[in-house]
Amino acid sequence: MATADPHAPSAVTVLVSRRVKPAHEAAFEQASEAMTAAARLFPGYLGGQLVRPDAQADDEESNLYHAVFAFDTPEHMQAWQTSSVRTERLQAIAPHTLGSTRLREVSGLGHWFTPPTGAVHQPPPRWKVAVVTWLGIFPTVYVLFLTVAPLLANWPLLPRVMVITLLVVLLLMTWVVAPRLTRWLKPFLYPPARGNT
């Protein structure tokens, strides 16, 4: 869990995607946790999360893991990425992965709306992104109001809103709801290109 605001103006968030060899999942997750534990010791580390493949994912996505992590400044991120500690952790992860690792900086929910790997699709129009985002936020907020909000009934309004929105953005929309929605609604976001005939 982040210990500071990962959306601060100078903060840097990175999404790392790796394909894991069959039967190597447990070893990969253990090596990834060691990587996270090492990163926590570096200045400016805000937090991170390993996102496991959805149990309902198709073959293309069934072994694809994502790791999201953030540092408070680009300089602190660079110090971690060029460290010998990170190099050692990457060497421990490498035997459990297939192909190359994809690493890119991300902002908000935007990384879930990039075209599928190897596809020639254009990014979806903003109205489609808005529809999918609303489809995720509406039920998420509804469930939180039924479950979490009653526990916070005696809190002042501002802290209540802060907790609910933090859960929506960081825990549910970013790492749980959004990736599944964009997978389920891929035909809507990226319809097949029509032939020229």
N, C-alpha and C. Protein backbone atom coordinates (compact mmCIF):
# COMPACT_ATOMS: atom_id res chain seq x y z
N MET A 1 0.84 -1.19 0.00
CA MET A 1 0.00 0.00 0.00
C MET A 1 0.88 1.24 0.00
N ALA A 2 0.49 2.25 -0.77
CA ALA A 2 1.28 3.47 -0.86
C ALA A 2 1.32 4.18 0.48
N THR A 3 2.46 4.82 0.77
CA THR A 3 2.62 5.57 2.00
C THR A 3 2.56 7.06 1.74
N ALA A 4 2.39 7.47 0.49
CA ALA A 4 2.27 8.87 0.13
C ALA A 4 1.37 8.95 -1.09
N ASP A 5 1.18 10.16 -1.59
CA ASP A 5 0.26 10.36 -2.70
C ASP A 5 0.92 9.99 -4.02
N PRO A 6 0.52 8.88 -4.68
CA PRO A 6 1.15 8.48 -5.92
C PRO A 6 0.77 9.35 -7.09
N HIS A 7 -0.20 10.29 -6.87
CA HIS A 7 -0.64 11.17 -7.93
C HIS A 7 -0.09 12.58 -7.74
N ALA A 8 0.91 12.74 -6.87
CA ALA A 8 1.55 14.03 -6.72
C ALA A 8 2.15 14.43 -8.05
N PRO A 9 2.28 15.76 -8.33
CA PRO A 9 2.71 16.22 -9.65
C PRO A 9 4.00 15.59 -10.14
N SER A 10 4.97 15.33 -9.24
CA SER A 10 6.26 14.82 -9.69
C SER A 10 6.36 13.30 -9.56
N ALA A 11 5.32 12.66 -9.04
CA ALA A 11 5.38 11.21 -8.84
C ALA A 11 5.43 10.48 -10.17
N VAL A 12 6.09 9.31 -10.16
CA VAL A 12 6.21 8.50 -11.36
C VAL A 12 5.64 7.11 -11.07
N THR A 13 4.69 6.67 -11.88
CA THR A 13 4.10 5.34 -11.75
C THR A 13 4.48 4.52 -12.96
N VAL A 14 4.88 3.27 -12.72
CA VAL A 14 5.34 2.40 -13.81
C VAL A 14 4.52 1.12 -13.81
N LEU A 15 4.17 0.68 -15.00
CA LEU A 15 3.49 -0.61 -15.19
C LEU A 15 4.46 -1.56 -15.85
N VAL A 16 4.70 -2.71 -15.21
CA VAL A 16 5.60 -3.74 -15.75
C VAL A 16 4.76 -4.97 -16.06
N SER A 17 4.87 -5.47 -17.28
CA SER A 17 4.10 -6.65 -17.70
C SER A 17 5.06 -7.78 -18.05
N ARG A 18 4.80 -8.95 -17.48
CA ARG A 18 5.64 -10.12 -17.72
C ARG A 18 4.78 -11.35 -17.94
N ARG A 19 5.20 -12.19 -18.89
CA ARG A 19 4.54 -13.48 -19.08
C ARG A 19 5.30 -14.54 -18.29
N VAL A 20 4.57 -15.34 -17.55
CA VAL A 20 5.18 -16.32 -16.64
C VAL A 20 5.07 -17.72 -17.22
N LYS A 21 6.15 -18.48 -17.09
CA LYS A 21 6.17 -19.86 -17.59
C LYS A 21 5.15 -20.71 -16.83
N PRO A 22 4.50 -21.64 -17.51
CA PRO A 22 3.59 -22.56 -16.81
C PRO A 22 4.30 -23.27 -15.67
N ALA A 23 3.61 -23.41 -14.55
CA ALA A 23 4.10 -24.08 -13.34
C ALA A 23 5.17 -23.29 -12.61
N HIS A 24 5.45 -22.06 -13.05
CA HIS A 24 6.42 -21.20 -12.38
C HIS A 24 5.74 -20.07 -11.60
N GLU A 25 4.42 -20.10 -11.52
CA GLU A 25 3.69 -18.99 -10.93
C GLU A 25 4.11 -18.70 -9.48
N ALA A 26 4.20 -19.76 -8.66
CA ALA A 26 4.54 -19.55 -7.25
C ALA A 26 5.95 -18.98 -7.10
N ALA A 27 6.89 -19.53 -7.86
CA ALA A 27 8.27 -19.05 -7.79
C ALA A 27 8.37 -17.62 -8.29
N PHE A 28 7.61 -17.31 -9.35
CA PHE A 28 7.61 -15.94 -9.88
C PHE A 28 7.05 -14.96 -8.85
N GLU A 29 5.94 -15.33 -8.21
CA GLU A 29 5.34 -14.43 -7.23
C GLU A 29 6.27 -14.22 -6.04
N GLN A 30 6.97 -15.26 -5.63
CA GLN A 30 7.93 -15.13 -4.53
C GLN A 30 9.07 -14.20 -4.92
N ALA A 31 9.59 -14.34 -6.13
CA ALA A 31 10.66 -13.46 -6.60
C ALA A 31 10.17 -12.03 -6.75
N SER A 32 8.92 -11.86 -7.17
CA SER A 32 8.35 -10.52 -7.30
C SER A 32 8.18 -9.86 -5.95
N GLU A 33 7.78 -10.63 -4.94
CA GLU A 33 7.66 -10.08 -3.59
C GLU A 33 9.02 -9.66 -3.06
N ALA A 34 10.06 -10.42 -3.38
CA ALA A 34 11.41 -10.03 -2.97
C ALA A 34 11.82 -8.73 -3.65
N MET A 35 11.41 -8.56 -4.91
CA MET A 35 11.68 -7.32 -5.63
C MET A 35 10.99 -6.15 -4.94
N THR A 36 9.73 -6.33 -4.58
CA THR A 36 8.98 -5.27 -3.90
C THR A 36 9.60 -4.94 -2.56
N ALA A 37 9.99 -5.96 -1.80
CA ALA A 37 10.60 -5.74 -0.49
C ALA A 37 11.89 -4.93 -0.63
N ALA A 38 12.65 -5.19 -1.69
CA ALA A 38 13.88 -4.43 -1.92
C ALA A 38 13.57 -2.98 -2.29
N ALA A 39 12.55 -2.79 -3.13
CA ALA A 39 12.19 -1.43 -3.55
C ALA A 39 11.71 -0.58 -2.38
N ARG A 40 11.04 -1.21 -1.41
CA ARG A 40 10.54 -0.46 -0.25
C ARG A 40 11.65 0.25 0.51
N LEU A 41 12.86 -0.25 0.44
CA LEU A 41 13.98 0.31 1.19
C LEU A 41 14.60 1.52 0.50
N PHE A 42 14.16 1.80 -0.73
CA PHE A 42 14.74 2.91 -1.48
C PHE A 42 13.98 4.20 -1.20
N PRO A 43 14.69 5.33 -1.16
CA PRO A 43 14.04 6.63 -0.91
C PRO A 43 12.97 6.92 -1.96
N GLY A 44 11.84 7.45 -1.49
CA GLY A 44 10.79 7.89 -2.39
C GLY A 44 9.82 6.82 -2.84
N TYR A 45 9.99 5.57 -2.39
CA TYR A 45 9.07 4.51 -2.80
C TYR A 45 7.68 4.78 -2.21
N LEU A 46 6.65 4.80 -3.06
CA LEU A 46 5.30 5.10 -2.62
C LEU A 46 4.44 3.86 -2.43
N GLY A 47 4.75 2.80 -3.15
CA GLY A 47 3.94 1.60 -3.02
C GLY A 47 3.86 0.86 -4.33
N GLY A 48 3.25 -0.32 -4.29
CA GLY A 48 3.12 -1.12 -5.49
C GLY A 48 2.13 -2.25 -5.31
N GLN A 49 1.83 -2.93 -6.41
CA GLN A 49 0.85 -4.01 -6.38
C GLN A 49 1.14 -4.98 -7.51
N LEU A 50 1.11 -6.27 -7.22
CA LEU A 50 1.21 -7.29 -8.26
C LEU A 50 -0.20 -7.71 -8.65
N VAL A 51 -0.52 -7.61 -9.93
CA VAL A 51 -1.84 -7.97 -10.43
C VAL A 51 -1.74 -9.31 -11.14
N ARG A 52 -2.40 -10.31 -10.56
CA ARG A 52 -2.36 -11.66 -11.13
C ARG A 52 -3.33 -11.77 -12.30
N PRO A 53 -3.10 -12.72 -13.20
CA PRO A 53 -4.04 -12.93 -14.31
C PRO A 53 -5.42 -13.29 -13.80
N ASP A 54 -6.42 -12.84 -14.53
CA ASP A 54 -7.79 -13.19 -14.21
C ASP A 54 -8.00 -14.68 -14.47
N ALA A 55 -8.68 -15.36 -13.55
CA ALA A 55 -8.94 -16.79 -13.71
C ALA A 55 -9.75 -17.07 -14.97
N GLN A 56 -10.53 -16.07 -15.43
CA GLN A 56 -11.36 -16.25 -16.62
C GLN A 56 -10.67 -15.78 -17.89
N ALA A 57 -9.40 -15.40 -17.80
CA ALA A 57 -8.70 -14.83 -18.96
C ALA A 57 -8.54 -15.88 -20.06
N ASP A 58 -8.49 -15.39 -21.31
CA ASP A 58 -8.24 -16.29 -22.43
C ASP A 58 -6.77 -16.69 -22.45
N ASP A 59 -6.41 -17.56 -23.38
CA ASP A 59 -5.04 -18.09 -23.43
C ASP A 59 -4.01 -16.98 -23.56
N GLU A 60 -4.36 -15.93 -24.31
CA GLU A 60 -3.42 -14.84 -24.55
C GLU A 60 -3.06 -14.10 -23.27
N GLU A 61 -4.00 -14.05 -22.32
CA GLU A 61 -3.81 -13.28 -21.09
C GLU A 61 -3.61 -14.15 -19.86
N SER A 62 -3.69 -15.48 -20.00
CA SER A 62 -3.74 -16.36 -18.83
C SER A 62 -2.45 -16.37 -18.02
N ASN A 63 -1.33 -16.04 -18.64
CA ASN A 63 -0.06 -16.06 -17.90
C ASN A 63 0.58 -14.69 -17.82
N LEU A 64 -0.21 -13.63 -18.04
CA LEU A 64 0.32 -12.27 -18.05
C LEU A 64 0.10 -11.60 -16.70
N TYR A 65 1.20 -11.28 -16.04
CA TYR A 65 1.18 -10.57 -14.76
C TYR A 65 1.53 -9.11 -14.99
N HIS A 66 0.93 -8.25 -14.16
CA HIS A 66 1.28 -6.82 -14.18
C HIS A 66 1.76 -6.43 -12.79
N ALA A 67 2.77 -5.60 -12.74
CA ALA A 67 3.21 -5.00 -11.47
C ALA A 67 3.15 -3.49 -11.63
N VAL A 68 2.47 -2.83 -10.71
CA VAL A 68 2.38 -1.38 -10.72
C VAL A 68 3.11 -0.86 -9.49
N PHE A 69 4.03 0.09 -9.69
CA PHE A 69 4.72 0.67 -8.55
C PHE A 69 5.02 2.14 -8.82
N ALA A 70 5.27 2.89 -7.74
CA ALA A 70 5.45 4.33 -7.88
C ALA A 70 6.54 4.85 -6.96
N PHE A 71 7.22 5.89 -7.45
CA PHE A 71 8.18 6.65 -6.66
C PHE A 71 7.77 8.12 -6.70
N ASP A 72 8.19 8.87 -5.67
CA ASP A 72 7.73 10.25 -5.56
C ASP A 72 8.36 11.21 -6.55
N THR A 73 9.53 10.87 -7.10
CA THR A 73 10.19 11.74 -8.09
C THR A 73 10.84 10.88 -9.16
N PRO A 74 11.06 11.45 -10.35
CA PRO A 74 11.78 10.70 -11.38
C PRO A 74 13.19 10.32 -10.94
N GLU A 75 13.83 11.18 -10.13
CA GLU A 75 15.18 10.90 -9.66
C GLU A 75 15.22 9.65 -8.78
N HIS A 76 14.24 9.53 -7.87
CA HIS A 76 14.18 8.35 -7.01
C HIS A 76 13.85 7.09 -7.83
N MET A 77 12.98 7.24 -8.82
CA MET A 77 12.69 6.12 -9.70
C MET A 77 13.96 5.67 -10.43
N GLN A 78 14.71 6.65 -10.96
CA GLN A 78 15.94 6.34 -11.68
C GLN A 78 16.96 5.64 -10.78
N ALA A 79 17.06 6.10 -9.52
CA ALA A 79 18.00 5.48 -8.58
C ALA A 79 17.66 4.01 -8.37
N TRP A 80 16.37 3.70 -8.28
CA TRP A 80 15.95 2.31 -8.12
C TRP A 80 16.23 1.51 -9.39
N GLN A 81 15.87 2.06 -10.54
CA GLN A 81 15.98 1.32 -11.79
C GLN A 81 17.44 1.04 -12.18
N THR A 82 18.36 1.87 -11.73
CA THR A 82 19.77 1.66 -12.08
C THR A 82 20.57 1.01 -10.96
N SER A 83 19.88 0.58 -9.92
CA SER A 83 20.58 0.01 -8.76
C SER A 83 21.00 -1.44 -9.02
N SER A 84 22.07 -1.84 -8.33
CA SER A 84 22.53 -3.23 -8.42
C SER A 84 21.54 -4.17 -7.74
N VAL A 85 20.83 -3.66 -6.73
CA VAL A 85 19.83 -4.48 -6.03
C VAL A 85 18.73 -4.89 -7.00
N ARG A 86 18.23 -3.94 -7.79
CA ARG A 86 17.18 -4.25 -8.77
C ARG A 86 17.70 -5.25 -9.80
N THR A 87 18.94 -5.07 -10.24
CA THR A 87 19.52 -6.00 -11.21
C THR A 87 19.54 -7.42 -10.67
N GLU A 88 19.91 -7.58 -9.39
CA GLU A 88 19.92 -8.91 -8.77
C GLU A 88 18.52 -9.50 -8.72
N ARG A 89 17.53 -8.68 -8.38
CA ARG A 89 16.15 -9.16 -8.29
C ARG A 89 15.62 -9.55 -9.66
N LEU A 90 16.00 -8.78 -10.68
CA LEU A 90 15.57 -9.12 -12.04
C LEU A 90 16.17 -10.46 -12.48
N GLN A 91 17.40 -10.72 -12.08
CA GLN A 91 18.03 -11.99 -12.42
C GLN A 91 17.31 -13.16 -11.76
N ALA A 92 16.76 -12.92 -10.56
CA ALA A 92 16.00 -13.98 -9.87
C ALA A 92 14.64 -14.21 -10.52
N ILE A 93 14.08 -13.17 -11.13
CA ILE A 93 12.77 -13.28 -11.78
C ILE A 93 12.89 -13.92 -13.17
N ALA A 94 13.97 -13.63 -13.88
CA ALA A 94 14.12 -14.00 -15.28
C ALA A 94 13.88 -15.48 -15.58
N PRO A 95 14.34 -16.45 -14.75
CA PRO A 95 14.12 -17.86 -15.10
C PRO A 95 12.65 -18.27 -15.13
N HIS A 96 11.78 -17.43 -14.60
CA HIS A 96 10.36 -17.80 -14.50
C HIS A 96 9.49 -17.11 -15.53
N THR A 97 10.09 -16.32 -16.44
CA THR A 97 9.30 -15.55 -17.39
C THR A 97 9.58 -15.96 -18.83
N LEU A 98 8.65 -15.58 -19.70
CA LEU A 98 8.76 -15.86 -21.13
C LEU A 98 8.84 -14.53 -21.89
N GLY A 99 9.67 -14.48 -22.90
CA GLY A 99 9.73 -13.29 -23.74
C GLY A 99 10.31 -12.09 -23.00
N SER A 100 10.08 -10.93 -23.59
CA SER A 100 10.64 -9.70 -23.02
C SER A 100 9.66 -9.06 -22.04
N THR A 101 10.22 -8.27 -21.14
CA THR A 101 9.42 -7.53 -20.16
C THR A 101 9.02 -6.19 -20.76
N ARG A 102 7.76 -5.83 -20.59
CA ARG A 102 7.29 -4.52 -21.04
C ARG A 102 7.19 -3.59 -19.83
N LEU A 103 7.82 -2.44 -19.93
CA LEU A 103 7.83 -1.48 -18.84
C LEU A 103 7.47 -0.11 -19.40
N ARG A 104 6.45 0.53 -18.83
CA ARG A 104 6.11 1.87 -19.29
C ARG A 104 5.52 2.69 -18.16
N GLU A 105 5.75 4.00 -18.25
CA GLU A 105 5.15 4.92 -17.28
C GLU A 105 3.68 5.07 -17.61
N VAL A 106 2.87 5.21 -16.55
CA VAL A 106 1.42 5.30 -16.74
C VAL A 106 0.88 6.46 -15.93
N SER A 107 -0.33 6.84 -16.27
CA SER A 107 -1.01 7.92 -15.55
C SER A 107 -2.46 7.55 -15.38
N GLY A 108 -2.93 7.52 -14.16
CA GLY A 108 -4.33 7.25 -13.89
C GLY A 108 -4.75 5.90 -14.43
N LEU A 109 -5.92 5.87 -15.12
CA LEU A 109 -6.45 4.63 -15.68
C LEU A 109 -6.05 4.45 -17.13
N GLY A 110 -5.27 5.39 -17.67
CA GLY A 110 -5.01 5.38 -19.09
C GLY A 110 -4.37 4.12 -19.61
N HIS A 111 -3.52 3.44 -18.78
CA HIS A 111 -2.83 2.26 -19.29
C HIS A 111 -3.75 1.11 -19.59
N TRP A 112 -4.97 1.10 -19.01
CA TRP A 112 -5.89 0.00 -19.30
C TRP A 112 -6.59 0.21 -20.65
N PHE A 113 -6.46 1.41 -21.24
CA PHE A 113 -7.15 1.70 -22.49
C PHE A 113 -6.20 1.80 -23.67
N THR A 114 -5.01 1.21 -23.56
CA THR A 114 -4.10 1.14 -24.69
C THR A 114 -4.48 -0.05 -25.54
N PRO A 115 -4.24 0.02 -26.85
CA PRO A 115 -4.63 -1.10 -27.72
C PRO A 115 -3.92 -2.38 -27.32
N PRO A 116 -4.54 -3.55 -27.59
CA PRO A 116 -3.91 -4.83 -27.27
C PRO A 116 -2.57 -4.98 -27.95
N THR A 117 -1.67 -5.75 -27.32
CA THR A 117 -0.34 -5.95 -27.85
C THR A 117 -0.39 -6.49 -29.27
N GLY A 118 0.38 -5.86 -30.15
CA GLY A 118 0.47 -6.33 -31.52
C GLY A 118 -0.70 -5.94 -32.39
N ALA A 119 -1.69 -5.24 -31.84
CA ALA A 119 -2.86 -4.88 -32.61
C ALA A 119 -2.61 -3.61 -33.40
N VAL A 120 -3.41 -3.41 -34.44
CA VAL A 120 -3.29 -2.21 -35.25
C VAL A 120 -4.44 -1.26 -34.97
N HIS A 121 -5.21 -1.51 -33.92
CA HIS A 121 -6.34 -0.67 -33.59
C HIS A 121 -5.90 0.72 -33.17
N GLN A 122 -6.76 1.68 -33.45
CA GLN A 122 -6.58 3.01 -32.91
C GLN A 122 -7.06 2.99 -31.46
N PRO A 123 -6.53 3.89 -30.60
CA PRO A 123 -7.07 3.99 -29.24
C PRO A 123 -8.57 4.27 -29.29
N PRO A 124 -9.34 3.74 -28.35
CA PRO A 124 -10.79 3.95 -28.38
C PRO A 124 -11.13 5.43 -28.21
N PRO A 125 -12.24 5.89 -28.78
CA PRO A 125 -12.64 7.28 -28.61
C PRO A 125 -12.96 7.58 -27.14
N ARG A 126 -12.89 8.86 -26.79
CA ARG A 126 -13.07 9.25 -25.39
C ARG A 126 -14.43 8.84 -24.84
N TRP A 127 -15.46 8.87 -25.69
CA TRP A 127 -16.78 8.54 -25.18
C TRP A 127 -16.85 7.07 -24.75
N LYS A 128 -16.13 6.19 -25.48
CA LYS A 128 -16.11 4.78 -25.08
C LYS A 128 -15.34 4.60 -23.78
N VAL A 129 -14.22 5.31 -23.64
CA VAL A 129 -13.46 5.26 -22.38
C VAL A 129 -14.33 5.75 -21.23
N ALA A 130 -15.11 6.82 -21.47
CA ALA A 130 -16.00 7.35 -20.43
C ALA A 130 -17.06 6.34 -20.04
N VAL A 131 -17.65 5.66 -21.04
CA VAL A 131 -18.69 4.66 -20.76
C VAL A 131 -18.13 3.52 -19.91
N VAL A 132 -16.97 2.99 -20.31
CA VAL A 132 -16.37 1.87 -19.58
C VAL A 132 -15.96 2.30 -18.17
N THR A 133 -15.41 3.51 -18.05
CA THR A 133 -15.03 4.01 -16.73
C THR A 133 -16.25 4.14 -15.83
N TRP A 134 -17.35 4.68 -16.37
CA TRP A 134 -18.58 4.81 -15.58
C TRP A 134 -19.12 3.44 -15.18
N LEU A 135 -19.07 2.48 -16.11
CA LEU A 135 -19.54 1.12 -15.80
C LEU A 135 -18.74 0.50 -14.66
N GLY A 136 -17.50 0.92 -14.50
CA GLY A 136 -16.70 0.43 -13.38
C GLY A 136 -16.94 1.20 -12.11
N ILE A 137 -17.04 2.52 -12.21
CA ILE A 137 -17.15 3.36 -11.01
C ILE A 137 -18.52 3.23 -10.37
N PHE A 138 -19.61 3.20 -11.17
CA PHE A 138 -20.95 3.17 -10.59
C PHE A 138 -21.17 1.98 -9.65
N PRO A 139 -20.98 0.73 -10.10
CA PRO A 139 -21.20 -0.39 -9.17
C PRO A 139 -20.18 -0.43 -8.04
N THR A 140 -18.95 0.03 -8.32
CA THR A 140 -17.93 0.04 -7.27
C THR A 140 -18.33 0.97 -6.13
N VAL A 141 -18.74 2.18 -6.49
CA VAL A 141 -19.17 3.15 -5.46
C VAL A 141 -20.42 2.64 -4.74
N TYR A 142 -21.33 2.03 -5.49
CA TYR A 142 -22.55 1.50 -4.87
C TYR A 142 -22.23 0.45 -3.81
N VAL A 143 -21.34 -0.48 -4.16
CA VAL A 143 -20.94 -1.53 -3.21
C VAL A 143 -20.24 -0.93 -2.01
N LEU A 144 -19.38 0.05 -2.23
CA LEU A 144 -18.67 0.68 -1.11
C LEU A 144 -19.63 1.43 -0.19
N PHE A 145 -20.65 2.06 -0.76
CA PHE A 145 -21.63 2.75 0.07
C PHE A 145 -22.45 1.76 0.91
N LEU A 146 -22.63 0.55 0.40
CA LEU A 146 -23.36 -0.46 1.16
C LEU A 146 -22.49 -1.14 2.22
N THR A 147 -21.19 -1.23 1.97
CA THR A 147 -20.32 -2.00 2.86
C THR A 147 -19.40 -1.15 3.73
N VAL A 148 -18.68 -0.23 3.13
CA VAL A 148 -17.70 0.56 3.86
C VAL A 148 -18.30 1.81 4.49
N ALA A 149 -19.16 2.49 3.74
CA ALA A 149 -19.70 3.77 4.22
C ALA A 149 -20.37 3.67 5.60
N PRO A 150 -21.17 2.60 5.88
CA PRO A 150 -21.77 2.53 7.22
C PRO A 150 -20.74 2.47 8.34
N LEU A 151 -19.56 1.91 8.08
CA LEU A 151 -18.52 1.83 9.09
C LEU A 151 -17.91 3.21 9.38
N LEU A 152 -18.09 4.13 8.44
CA LEU A 152 -17.51 5.46 8.57
C LEU A 152 -18.57 6.51 8.91
N ALA A 153 -19.75 6.06 9.31
CA ALA A 153 -20.88 6.98 9.50
C ALA A 153 -20.59 8.08 10.50
N ASN A 154 -19.76 7.82 11.49
CA ASN A 154 -19.47 8.83 12.52
C ASN A 154 -18.28 9.72 12.17
N TRP A 155 -17.66 9.48 11.03
CA TRP A 155 -16.53 10.29 10.62
C TRP A 155 -17.02 11.60 10.01
N PRO A 156 -16.21 12.66 10.06
CA PRO A 156 -16.55 13.88 9.32
C PRO A 156 -16.62 13.59 7.82
N LEU A 157 -17.33 14.44 7.09
CA LEU A 157 -17.58 14.19 5.67
C LEU A 157 -16.30 14.08 4.85
N LEU A 158 -15.36 14.99 5.04
CA LEU A 158 -14.16 15.00 4.20
C LEU A 158 -13.35 13.71 4.32
N PRO A 159 -13.05 13.23 5.54
CA PRO A 159 -12.33 11.94 5.62
C PRO A 159 -13.11 10.78 5.01
N ARG A 160 -14.44 10.80 5.14
CA ARG A 160 -15.24 9.73 4.55
C ARG A 160 -15.09 9.71 3.02
N VAL A 161 -15.19 10.90 2.43
CA VAL A 161 -15.05 10.99 0.98
C VAL A 161 -13.65 10.58 0.55
N MET A 162 -12.64 10.98 1.33
CA MET A 162 -11.26 10.62 0.99
C MET A 162 -11.07 9.11 0.98
N VAL A 163 -11.59 8.42 1.99
CA VAL A 163 -11.43 6.96 2.07
C VAL A 163 -12.16 6.27 0.92
N ILE A 164 -13.40 6.67 0.66
CA ILE A 164 -14.17 6.03 -0.40
C ILE A 164 -13.51 6.23 -1.75
N THR A 165 -13.10 7.46 -2.05
CA THR A 165 -12.49 7.71 -3.36
C THR A 165 -11.13 7.03 -3.48
N LEU A 166 -10.39 6.94 -2.38
CA LEU A 166 -9.10 6.24 -2.41
C LEU A 166 -9.30 4.76 -2.74
N LEU A 167 -10.31 4.15 -2.12
CA LEU A 167 -10.61 2.75 -2.41
C LEU A 167 -11.04 2.56 -3.85
N VAL A 168 -11.85 3.49 -4.35
CA VAL A 168 -12.33 3.39 -5.73
C VAL A 168 -11.17 3.46 -6.72
N VAL A 169 -10.31 4.45 -6.55
CA VAL A 169 -9.26 4.70 -7.55
C VAL A 169 -8.10 3.74 -7.41
N LEU A 170 -7.55 3.62 -6.22
CA LEU A 170 -6.32 2.85 -6.05
C LEU A 170 -6.55 1.35 -6.00
N LEU A 171 -7.52 0.92 -5.20
CA LEU A 171 -7.67 -0.51 -4.97
C LEU A 171 -8.57 -1.19 -5.98
N LEU A 172 -9.69 -0.55 -6.35
CA LEU A 172 -10.68 -1.25 -7.16
C LEU A 172 -10.59 -0.91 -8.63
N MET A 173 -10.70 0.39 -8.99
CA MET A 173 -10.70 0.74 -10.40
C MET A 173 -9.35 0.48 -11.05
N THR A 174 -8.26 0.80 -10.38
CA THR A 174 -6.95 0.70 -11.02
C THR A 174 -6.47 -0.74 -11.13
N TRP A 175 -6.67 -1.56 -10.08
CA TRP A 175 -6.06 -2.88 -10.06
C TRP A 175 -7.04 -4.04 -10.09
N VAL A 176 -8.33 -3.78 -9.95
CA VAL A 176 -9.29 -4.89 -9.92
C VAL A 176 -10.34 -4.73 -11.01
N VAL A 177 -11.07 -3.62 -10.97
CA VAL A 177 -12.22 -3.45 -11.87
C VAL A 177 -11.80 -3.11 -13.29
N ALA A 178 -10.97 -2.07 -13.45
CA ALA A 178 -10.63 -1.59 -14.79
C ALA A 178 -9.99 -2.66 -15.68
N PRO A 179 -8.99 -3.41 -15.18
CA PRO A 179 -8.40 -4.41 -16.09
C PRO A 179 -9.38 -5.48 -16.54
N ARG A 180 -10.32 -5.86 -15.66
CA ARG A 180 -11.29 -6.87 -16.06
C ARG A 180 -12.31 -6.29 -17.03
N LEU A 181 -12.77 -5.07 -16.76
CA LEU A 181 -13.74 -4.46 -17.66
C LEU A 181 -13.18 -4.30 -19.06
N THR A 182 -11.95 -3.81 -19.16
CA THR A 182 -11.38 -3.60 -20.49
C THR A 182 -11.14 -4.92 -21.21
N ARG A 183 -10.91 -5.99 -20.45
CA ARG A 183 -10.77 -7.31 -21.08
C ARG A 183 -12.12 -7.81 -21.57
N TRP A 184 -13.14 -7.70 -20.70
CA TRP A 184 -14.47 -8.17 -21.07
C TRP A 184 -15.08 -7.36 -22.22
N LEU A 185 -14.79 -6.07 -22.23
CA LEU A 185 -15.39 -5.18 -23.23
C LEU A 185 -14.44 -4.87 -24.38
N LYS A 186 -13.44 -5.71 -24.57
CA LYS A 186 -12.48 -5.48 -25.66
C LYS A 186 -13.16 -5.34 -27.01
N PRO A 187 -14.19 -6.17 -27.35
CA PRO A 187 -14.85 -5.99 -28.66
C PRO A 187 -15.51 -4.62 -28.80
N PHE A 188 -15.98 -4.05 -27.70
CA PHE A 188 -16.60 -2.72 -27.74
C PHE A 188 -15.54 -1.63 -27.90
N LEU A 189 -14.43 -1.77 -27.16
CA LEU A 189 -13.37 -0.76 -27.22
C LEU A 189 -12.58 -0.84 -28.53
N TYR A 190 -12.34 -2.07 -29.01
CA TYR A 190 -11.51 -2.28 -30.20
C TYR A 190 -12.26 -3.18 -31.18
N PRO A 191 -13.29 -2.67 -31.83
CA PRO A 191 -14.04 -3.51 -32.78
C PRO A 191 -13.15 -3.94 -33.94
N PRO A 192 -13.40 -5.13 -34.50
CA PRO A 192 -12.59 -5.58 -35.63
C PRO A 192 -12.65 -4.59 -36.79
N ALA A 193 -11.51 -4.40 -37.42
CA ALA A 193 -11.46 -3.49 -38.56
C ALA A 193 -12.27 -4.08 -39.71
N ARG A 194 -13.04 -3.23 -40.38
CA ARG A 194 -13.84 -3.69 -41.51
C ARG A 194 -12.96 -3.82 -42.76
N GLY A 195 -13.28 -4.82 -43.54
CA GLY A 195 -12.51 -5.02 -44.76
C GLY A 195 -12.80 -3.92 -45.77
N ASN A 196 -11.98 -3.84 -46.76
CA ASN A 196 -12.14 -2.81 -47.77
C ASN A 196 -12.98 -3.27 -48.94
N THR A 197 -13.53 -4.50 -48.86
CA THR A 197 -14.31 -4.99 -49.99
C THR A 197 -15.71 -4.46 -49.94
